[in-house]
């Protein structure tokens, strides 16, 4: 079996940057599917990630950028598409997919990570005692 002419595929998974903490919400909250924006620092992180991808992608003409439709992910995806597109001399569209959203934590999204984990632990314990 010959592998002549085979191609490799590089995939860059880039997470969004730091989010803006909504007023009245705890600092370490499980935001999940809540559409919270990036903080100023998070925007800098997203732009740095975009530049990294643009500098490291083999052929900037052969790029597809996919993102969830949440604004914190979309910001980084748009920055990446712009940086890579400028390097390759082309325009790259961002494909937004709601299926790529983070988990919807329901009421756990209103609590701190510690409170959320305690709630899950309590629910598991209650379920095993039935």
Protein backbone atom coordinates (compact mmCIF):
# COMPACT_ATOMS: atom_id res chain seq x y z
CA UNK A 1 0.00 0.00 0.00
CA UNK A 2 1.48 3.29 -1.08
CA UNK A 3 1.20 6.57 0.76
CA UNK A 4 2.43 8.62 -2.18
CA UNK A 5 0.62 11.89 -2.53
CA UNK A 6 -0.91 11.61 0.91
CA UNK A 7 -1.52 14.83 2.77
CA UNK A 8 -1.44 15.66 6.41
CA UNK A 9 -4.01 17.77 8.18
CA UNK A 10 -3.16 20.23 10.91
CA UNK A 11 -5.87 21.26 13.33
CA UNK A 12 -5.46 24.12 15.79
CA UNK A 13 -7.89 24.17 18.69
CA UNK A 14 -7.92 27.60 20.27
CA UNK A 15 -9.87 28.33 23.42
CA UNK A 16 -11.39 31.73 24.06
CA UNK A 17 -9.63 34.19 26.32
CA UNK A 18 -10.57 35.44 29.77
CA UNK A 19 -14.20 36.53 30.04
CA UNK A 20 -15.67 39.70 31.48
CA UNK A 21 -17.23 38.87 34.82
CA UNK A 22 -20.86 40.01 34.81
CA UNK A 23 -21.94 42.29 37.66
CA UNK A 24 -23.13 40.33 40.66
CA UNK A 25 -21.64 37.04 39.47
CA UNK A 26 -18.90 35.16 41.32
CA UNK A 27 -15.39 35.37 39.87
CA UNK A 28 -15.03 31.60 39.33
CA UNK A 29 -18.39 30.72 37.81
CA UNK A 30 -19.21 27.96 35.30
CA UNK A 31 -20.61 30.21 32.56
CA UNK A 32 -20.99 27.41 30.01
CA UNK A 33 -23.59 28.45 27.42
CA UNK A 34 -24.08 31.95 28.89
CA UNK A 35 -22.99 34.46 26.25
CA UNK A 36 -20.49 36.54 28.21
CA UNK A 37 -17.98 38.82 26.45
CA UNK A 38 -14.22 38.74 26.69
CA UNK A 39 -12.45 41.07 29.08
CA UNK A 40 -9.84 43.48 27.70
CA UNK A 41 -7.19 40.95 28.71
CA UNK A 42 -9.18 38.15 27.05
CA UNK A 43 -9.21 40.12 23.79
CA UNK A 44 -5.42 40.44 23.96
CA UNK A 45 -5.19 36.67 24.56
CA UNK A 46 -7.44 35.98 21.54
CA UNK A 47 -5.39 38.27 19.31
CA UNK A 48 -2.15 36.61 20.45
CA UNK A 49 -3.66 33.19 19.66
CA UNK A 50 -4.70 34.44 16.22
CA UNK A 51 -1.17 35.64 15.48
CA UNK A 52 0.26 32.30 16.63
CA UNK A 53 -2.01 30.35 14.29
CA UNK A 54 -1.26 32.73 11.39
CA UNK A 55 2.49 32.33 11.89
CA UNK A 56 2.35 28.54 12.17
CA UNK A 57 -0.20 27.44 9.59
CA UNK A 58 1.54 25.79 6.60
CA UNK A 59 -0.59 27.20 3.79
CA UNK A 60 -2.74 30.19 4.78
CA UNK A 61 -4.83 29.72 1.63
CA UNK A 62 -6.11 26.36 2.85
CA UNK A 63 -7.73 27.30 6.12
CA UNK A 64 -11.20 26.89 7.57
CA UNK A 65 -12.10 28.69 10.78
CA UNK A 66 -14.97 27.25 12.82
CA UNK A 67 -16.36 28.71 16.04
CA UNK A 68 -19.30 28.46 18.37
CA UNK A 69 -21.78 31.31 18.06
CA UNK A 70 -20.96 32.68 21.52
CA UNK A 71 -19.34 36.10 21.35
CA UNK A 72 -16.27 35.10 23.37
CA UNK A 73 -15.41 32.35 20.86
CA UNK A 74 -16.46 34.38 17.82
CA UNK A 75 -14.06 37.22 18.73
CA UNK A 76 -11.04 34.91 18.60
CA UNK A 77 -12.26 33.15 15.46
CA UNK A 78 -12.71 36.45 13.62
CA UNK A 79 -9.24 37.60 14.73
CA UNK A 80 -7.76 34.30 13.53
CA UNK A 81 -9.54 34.49 10.17
CA UNK A 82 -8.28 38.05 9.69
CA UNK A 83 -4.64 37.29 10.61
CA UNK A 84 -4.43 34.11 8.55
CA UNK A 85 -6.27 35.72 5.64
CA UNK A 86 -3.90 38.69 5.60
CA UNK A 87 -0.93 36.32 5.50
CA UNK A 88 -2.42 34.33 2.62
CA UNK A 89 -3.83 37.30 0.74
CA UNK A 90 -7.39 35.99 0.95
CA UNK A 91 -10.59 36.46 2.91
CA UNK A 92 -11.53 33.69 5.31
CA UNK A 93 -15.09 33.40 6.53
CA UNK A 94 -15.87 32.08 10.00
CA UNK A 95 -18.32 29.19 10.18
CA UNK A 96 -20.35 29.57 13.37
CA UNK A 97 -21.92 26.43 14.81
CA UNK A 98 -24.18 26.51 17.86
CA UNK A 99 -23.31 22.82 18.34
CA UNK A 100 -19.84 23.94 19.47
CA UNK A 101 -21.20 25.85 22.46
CA UNK A 102 -19.98 24.89 25.88
CA UNK A 103 -22.21 22.81 28.12
CA UNK A 104 -25.33 24.51 29.45
CA UNK A 105 -24.90 24.06 33.19
CA UNK A 106 -28.41 25.31 33.99
CA UNK A 107 -28.64 26.64 37.52
CA UNK A 108 -25.07 25.53 38.17
CA UNK A 109 -24.02 28.38 35.90
CA UNK A 110 -25.17 30.77 38.61
CA UNK A 111 -22.83 29.30 41.21
CA UNK A 112 -19.11 29.24 41.77
CA UNK A 113 -17.19 26.22 40.52
CA UNK A 114 -16.80 25.00 44.11
CA UNK A 115 -20.56 25.33 44.82
CA UNK A 116 -21.36 23.64 41.52
CA UNK A 117 -19.08 20.71 42.23
CA UNK A 118 -20.57 20.35 45.71
CA UNK A 119 -24.05 20.32 44.18
CA UNK A 120 -23.04 17.61 41.69
CA UNK A 121 -21.41 15.60 44.48
CA UNK A 122 -24.56 15.85 46.59
CA UNK A 123 -26.73 14.79 43.66
CA UNK A 124 -24.51 11.76 42.99
CA UNK A 125 -24.60 10.77 46.66
CA UNK A 126 -28.39 11.14 46.75
CA UNK A 127 -28.71 9.02 43.61
CA UNK A 128 -26.57 6.23 45.00
CA UNK A 129 -28.58 6.08 48.21
CA UNK A 130 -31.89 5.29 46.50
